[in-house]
Amino acid sequence: MAVSVGPDGCHVSDLFAALKRTGVGGGMPNPGGTLSLDEYRQLVPQAVGAARREVVARRDAHEAELDALLDEPRRRLERWRTGSDQLTLLIESEQRRSERSRHIASVVADTEALIASMRTAGQPLLRVLALFAPGGRG
């Protein structure tokens, strides 16, 4: 992801498109000059804020898609649990009924953990990797 900060605010775009647009590549010359970062330093919080909002929006969209995909497996698991619990009631041996109940609980817990592991956890890590400044400055 690339974030451009200009007079019209922040613009988030594809990193590879931004690299192409700025002319960054293997054959790019290094003029060896120095650049004063003072004028750009104040733009970093704006760029990071825009990137964070974009990442959160993408994560929220992904989570919504994932929720929709996981609804049916959750329903199937609940149907399986209900059916298995009902069948367990038909087992005459108390010991076998107890073993079966523990097995059902184990399968349900494992399946719920698998479903939960597909979720995104924590906050995204953002790092500023580069600053592309217009030529002729510094």
C-alpha atoms as a PDB file:
ATOM      1  CA  MET A   1       0.000   0.000   0.000  1.00  0.00           C
ATOM      2  CA  ALA A   2       1.198   3.499  -0.777  1.00  0.00           C
ATOM      3  CA  VAL A   3      -0.092   6.717   0.738  1.00  0.00           C
ATOM      4  CA  SER A   4       0.360  10.023  -1.026  1.00  0.00           C
ATOM      5  CA  VAL A   5      -0.094  13.224   0.971  1.00  0.00           C
ATOM      6  CA  GLY A   6      -0.820  16.400  -0.907  1.00  0.00           C
ATOM      7  CA  PRO A   7      -2.836  19.597  -0.715  1.00  0.00           C
ATOM      8  CA  ASP A   8      -6.032  17.627  -1.379  1.00  0.00           C
ATOM      9  CA  GLY A   9      -5.367  15.244   1.536  1.00  0.00           C
ATOM     10  CA  CYS A  10      -4.241  11.634   1.618  1.00  0.00           C
ATOM     11  CA  HIS A  11      -4.647   9.182  -1.221  1.00  0.00           C
ATOM     12  CA  VAL A  12      -4.175   5.434  -0.718  1.00  0.00           C
ATOM     13  CA  SER A  13      -3.122   3.395  -3.741  1.00  0.00           C
ATOM     14  CA  ASP A  14      -1.439   0.160  -4.777  1.00  0.00           C
ATOM     15  CA  LEU A  15       2.251   0.104  -3.857  1.00  0.00           C
ATOM     16  CA  PHE A  16       3.424  -1.275  -7.206  1.00  0.00           C
ATOM     17  CA  ALA A  17       1.427   1.308  -9.135  1.00  0.00           C
ATOM     18  CA  ALA A  18       2.912   4.039  -6.920  1.00  0.00           C
ATOM     19  CA  LEU A  19       6.433   2.746  -7.500  1.00  0.00           C
ATOM     20  CA  LYS A  20       5.851   2.757 -11.252  1.00  0.00           C
ATOM     21  CA  ARG A  21       4.269   6.225 -11.109  1.00  0.00           C
ATOM     22  CA  THR A  22       7.257   7.626  -9.196  1.00  0.00           C
ATOM     23  CA  GLY A  23       9.797   5.935 -11.464  1.00  0.00           C
ATOM     24  CA  VAL A  24      11.290   3.754  -8.738  1.00  0.00           C
ATOM     25  CA  GLY A  25      13.013   0.714 -10.175  1.00  0.00           C
ATOM     26  CA  GLY A  26      16.251  -1.151 -10.590  1.00  0.00           C
ATOM     27  CA  GLY A  27      17.719   1.332 -13.046  1.00  0.00           C
ATOM     28  CA  MET A  28      16.874   4.383 -10.976  1.00  0.00           C
ATOM     29  CA  PRO A  29      19.900   6.648 -10.440  1.00  0.00           C
ATOM     30  CA  ASN A  30      20.865   7.817  -6.966  1.00  0.00           C
ATOM     31  CA  PRO A  31      21.858  11.478  -7.233  1.00  0.00           C
ATOM     32  CA  GLY A  32      23.606  11.243  -3.876  1.00  0.00           C
ATOM     33  CA  GLY A  33      22.156  14.487  -2.538  1.00  0.00           C
ATOM     34  CA  THR A  34      20.751  15.178   0.873  1.00  0.00           C
ATOM     35  CA  LEU A  35      17.178  15.967   1.685  1.00  0.00           C
ATOM     36  CA  SER A  36      15.842  17.933   4.611  1.00  0.00           C
ATOM     37  CA  LEU A  37      13.080  15.818   6.146  1.00  0.00           C
ATOM     38  CA  ASP A  38      11.709  18.599   8.353  1.00  0.00           C
ATOM     39  CA  GLU A  39       9.003  19.643   5.887  1.00  0.00           C
ATOM     40  CA  TYR A  40       7.903  16.010   5.449  1.00  0.00           C
ATOM     41  CA  ARG A  41       8.011  14.949   9.099  1.00  0.00           C
ATOM     42  CA  GLN A  42       4.646  16.598   9.855  1.00  0.00           C
ATOM     43  CA  LEU A  43       3.014  14.593   7.035  1.00  0.00           C
ATOM     44  CA  VAL A  44       3.913  11.197   8.516  1.00  0.00           C
ATOM     45  CA  PRO A  45       1.043  11.102  11.063  1.00  0.00           C
ATOM     46  CA  GLN A  46      -1.434  11.953   8.287  1.00  0.00           C
ATOM     47  CA  ALA A  47      -0.053   9.204   6.051  1.00  0.00           C
ATOM     48  CA  VAL A  48      -0.029   6.642   8.859  1.00  0.00           C
ATOM     49  CA  GLY A  49      -3.596   7.629   9.810  1.00  0.00           C
ATOM     50  CA  ALA A  50      -4.775   7.160   6.237  1.00  0.00           C
ATOM     51  CA  ALA A  51      -2.986   3.811   5.997  1.00  0.00           C
ATOM     52  CA  ARG A  52      -4.492   2.658   9.306  1.00  0.00           C
ATOM     53  CA  ARG A  53      -8.003   3.614   8.187  1.00  0.00           C
ATOM     54  CA  GLU A  54      -7.477   1.728   4.927  1.00  0.00           C
ATOM     55  CA  VAL A  55      -6.148  -1.386   6.664  1.00  0.00           C
ATOM     56  CA  VAL A  56      -9.028  -1.351   9.161  1.00  0.00           C
ATOM     57  CA  ALA A  57     -11.565  -0.920   6.346  1.00  0.00           C
ATOM     58  CA  ARG A  58     -10.004  -3.829   4.439  1.00  0.00           C
ATOM     59  CA  ARG A  59      -9.954  -5.970   7.580  1.00  0.00           C
ATOM     60  CA  ASP A  60     -13.607  -5.143   8.317  1.00  0.00           C
ATOM     61  CA  ALA A  61     -14.587  -6.076   4.747  1.00  0.00           C
ATOM     62  CA  HIS A  62     -12.621  -9.326   5.037  1.00  0.00           C
ATOM     63  CA  GLU A  63     -14.261 -10.118   8.385  1.00  0.00           C
ATOM     64  CA  ALA A  64     -17.726  -9.537   6.904  1.00  0.00           C
ATOM     65  CA  GLU A  65     -16.951 -11.910   4.021  1.00  0.00           C
ATOM     66  CA  LEU A  66     -15.506 -14.444   6.430  1.00  0.00           C
ATOM     67  CA  ASP A  67     -18.563 -14.232   8.699  1.00  0.00           C
ATOM     68  CA  ALA A  68     -20.787 -14.990   5.728  1.00  0.00           C
ATOM     69  CA  LEU A  69     -18.604 -17.946   4.732  1.00  0.00           C
ATOM     70  CA  LEU A  70     -18.495 -19.334   8.273  1.00  0.00           C
ATOM     71  CA  ASP A  71     -22.228 -19.048   8.982  1.00  0.00           C
ATOM     72  CA  GLU A  72     -23.023 -22.366   7.308  1.00  0.00           C
ATOM     73  CA  PRO A  73     -20.233 -24.337   9.056  1.00  0.00           C
ATOM     74  CA  ARG A  74     -21.443 -22.907  12.390  1.00  0.00           C
ATOM     75  CA  ARG A  75     -25.004 -23.993  11.631  1.00  0.00           C
ATOM     76  CA  ARG A  76     -23.806 -27.463  10.567  1.00  0.00           C
ATOM     77  CA  LEU A  77     -21.816 -27.801  13.757  1.00  0.00           C
ATOM     78  CA  GLU A  78     -24.842 -26.863  15.839  1.00  0.00           C
ATOM     79  CA  ARG A  79     -27.034 -29.368  13.954  1.00  0.00           C
ATOM     80  CA  TRP A  80     -24.398 -32.053  14.431  1.00  0.00           C
ATOM     81  CA  ARG A  81     -24.121 -31.270  18.146  1.00  0.00           C
ATOM     82  CA  THR A  82     -27.889 -31.383  18.628  1.00  0.00           C
ATOM     83  CA  GLY A  83     -28.253 -34.654  16.707  1.00  0.00           C
ATOM     84  CA  SER A  84     -25.283 -36.230  18.461  1.00  0.00           C
ATOM     85  CA  ASP A  85     -26.587 -35.198  21.883  1.00  0.00           C
ATOM     86  CA  GLN A  86     -29.967 -36.728  21.066  1.00  0.00           C
ATOM     87  CA  LEU A  87     -28.374 -39.992  19.917  1.00  0.00           C
ATOM     88  CA  THR A  88     -26.264 -40.065  23.062  1.00  0.00           C
ATOM     89  CA  LEU A  89     -29.443 -40.209  25.128  1.00  0.00           C
ATOM     90  CA  LEU A  90     -30.218 -43.576  23.507  1.00  0.00           C
ATOM     91  CA  ILE A  91     -27.007 -45.168  24.820  1.00  0.00           C
ATOM     92  CA  GLU A  92     -27.877 -47.401  27.754  1.00  0.00           C
ATOM     93  CA  SER A  93     -24.456 -47.647  29.377  1.00  0.00           C
ATOM     94  CA  GLU A  94     -23.745 -44.627  31.588  1.00  0.00           C
ATOM     95  CA  GLN A  95     -20.006 -44.992  30.944  1.00  0.00           C
ATOM     96  CA  ARG A  96     -20.447 -45.079  27.138  1.00  0.00           C
ATOM     97  CA  ARG A  97     -22.919 -42.175  27.282  1.00  0.00           C
ATOM     98  CA  SER A  98     -20.363 -40.157  29.300  1.00  0.00           C
ATOM     99  CA  GLU A  99     -17.554 -41.030  26.855  1.00  0.00           C
ATOM    100  CA  ARG A 100     -19.721 -40.035  23.910  1.00  0.00           C
ATOM    101  CA  SER A 101     -20.653 -36.715  25.554  1.00  0.00           C
ATOM    102  CA  ARG A 102     -16.965 -35.946  26.161  1.00  0.00           C
ATOM    103  CA  HIS A 103     -16.188 -36.816  22.531  1.00  0.00           C
ATOM    104  CA  ILE A 104     -18.957 -34.516  21.283  1.00  0.00           C
ATOM    105  CA  ALA A 105     -17.727 -31.677  23.511  1.00  0.00           C
ATOM    106  CA  SER A 106     -14.168 -32.214  22.261  1.00  0.00           C
ATOM    107  CA  VAL A 107     -15.182 -32.158  18.585  1.00  0.00           C
ATOM    108  CA  VAL A 108     -17.300 -29.046  19.127  1.00  0.00           C
ATOM    109  CA  ALA A 109     -14.491 -27.261  20.997  1.00  0.00           C
ATOM    110  CA  ASP A 110     -11.923 -28.167  18.322  1.00  0.00           C
ATOM    111  CA  THR A 111     -14.219 -27.058  15.513  1.00  0.00           C
ATOM    112  CA  GLU A 112     -15.080 -23.788  17.256  1.00  0.00           C
ATOM    113  CA  ALA A 113     -11.361 -23.156  17.828  1.00  0.00           C
ATOM    114  CA  LEU A 114     -10.676 -23.798  14.137  1.00  0.00           C
ATOM    115  CA  ILE A 115     -13.420 -21.359  13.145  1.00  0.00           C
ATOM    116  CA  ALA A 116     -12.093 -18.761  15.619  1.00  0.00           C
ATOM    117  CA  SER A 117      -8.534 -19.199  14.292  1.00  0.00           C
ATOM    118  CA  MET A 118      -9.687 -17.948  10.900  1.00  0.00           C
ATOM    119  CA  ARG A 119     -10.457 -14.543  12.402  1.00  0.00           C
ATOM    120  CA  THR A 120      -8.045 -11.629  12.355  1.00  0.00           C
ATOM    121  CA  ALA A 121      -6.569 -10.881  15.762  1.00  0.00           C
ATOM    122  CA  GLY A 122      -4.937  -7.754  17.125  1.00  0.00           C
ATOM    123  CA  GLN A 123      -4.154  -4.437  15.576  1.00  0.00           C
ATOM    124  CA  PRO A 124      -2.354  -4.085  12.250  1.00  0.00           C
ATOM    125  CA  LEU A 125       1.324  -3.175  12.307  1.00  0.00           C
ATOM    126  CA  LEU A 126       2.146  -0.228  10.089  1.00  0.00           C
ATOM    127  CA  ARG A 127       5.622   0.946   9.211  1.00  0.00           C
ATOM    128  CA  VAL A 128       6.757   3.814   7.060  1.00  0.00           C
ATOM    129  CA  LEU A 129       9.220   2.267   4.648  1.00  0.00           C
ATOM    130  CA  ALA A 130      10.036   5.105   2.317  1.00  0.00           C
ATOM    131  CA  LEU A 131       9.437   8.720   1.433  1.00  0.00           C
ATOM    132  CA  PHE A 132       9.218   9.711  -2.192  1.00  0.00           C
ATOM    133  CA  ALA A 133       9.842  13.436  -2.488  1.00  0.00           C
ATOM    134  CA  PRO A 134       9.606  15.456  -5.672  1.00  0.00           C
ATOM    135  CA  GLY A 135      12.920  16.104  -7.411  1.00  0.00           C
ATOM    136  CA  GLY A 136      14.681  19.440  -7.123  1.00  0.00           C
ATOM    137  CA  ARG A 137      14.136  19.848  -3.372  1.00  0.00           C
ATOM    138  CA  GLY A 138      16.566  19.657  -0.463  1.00  0.00           C
END
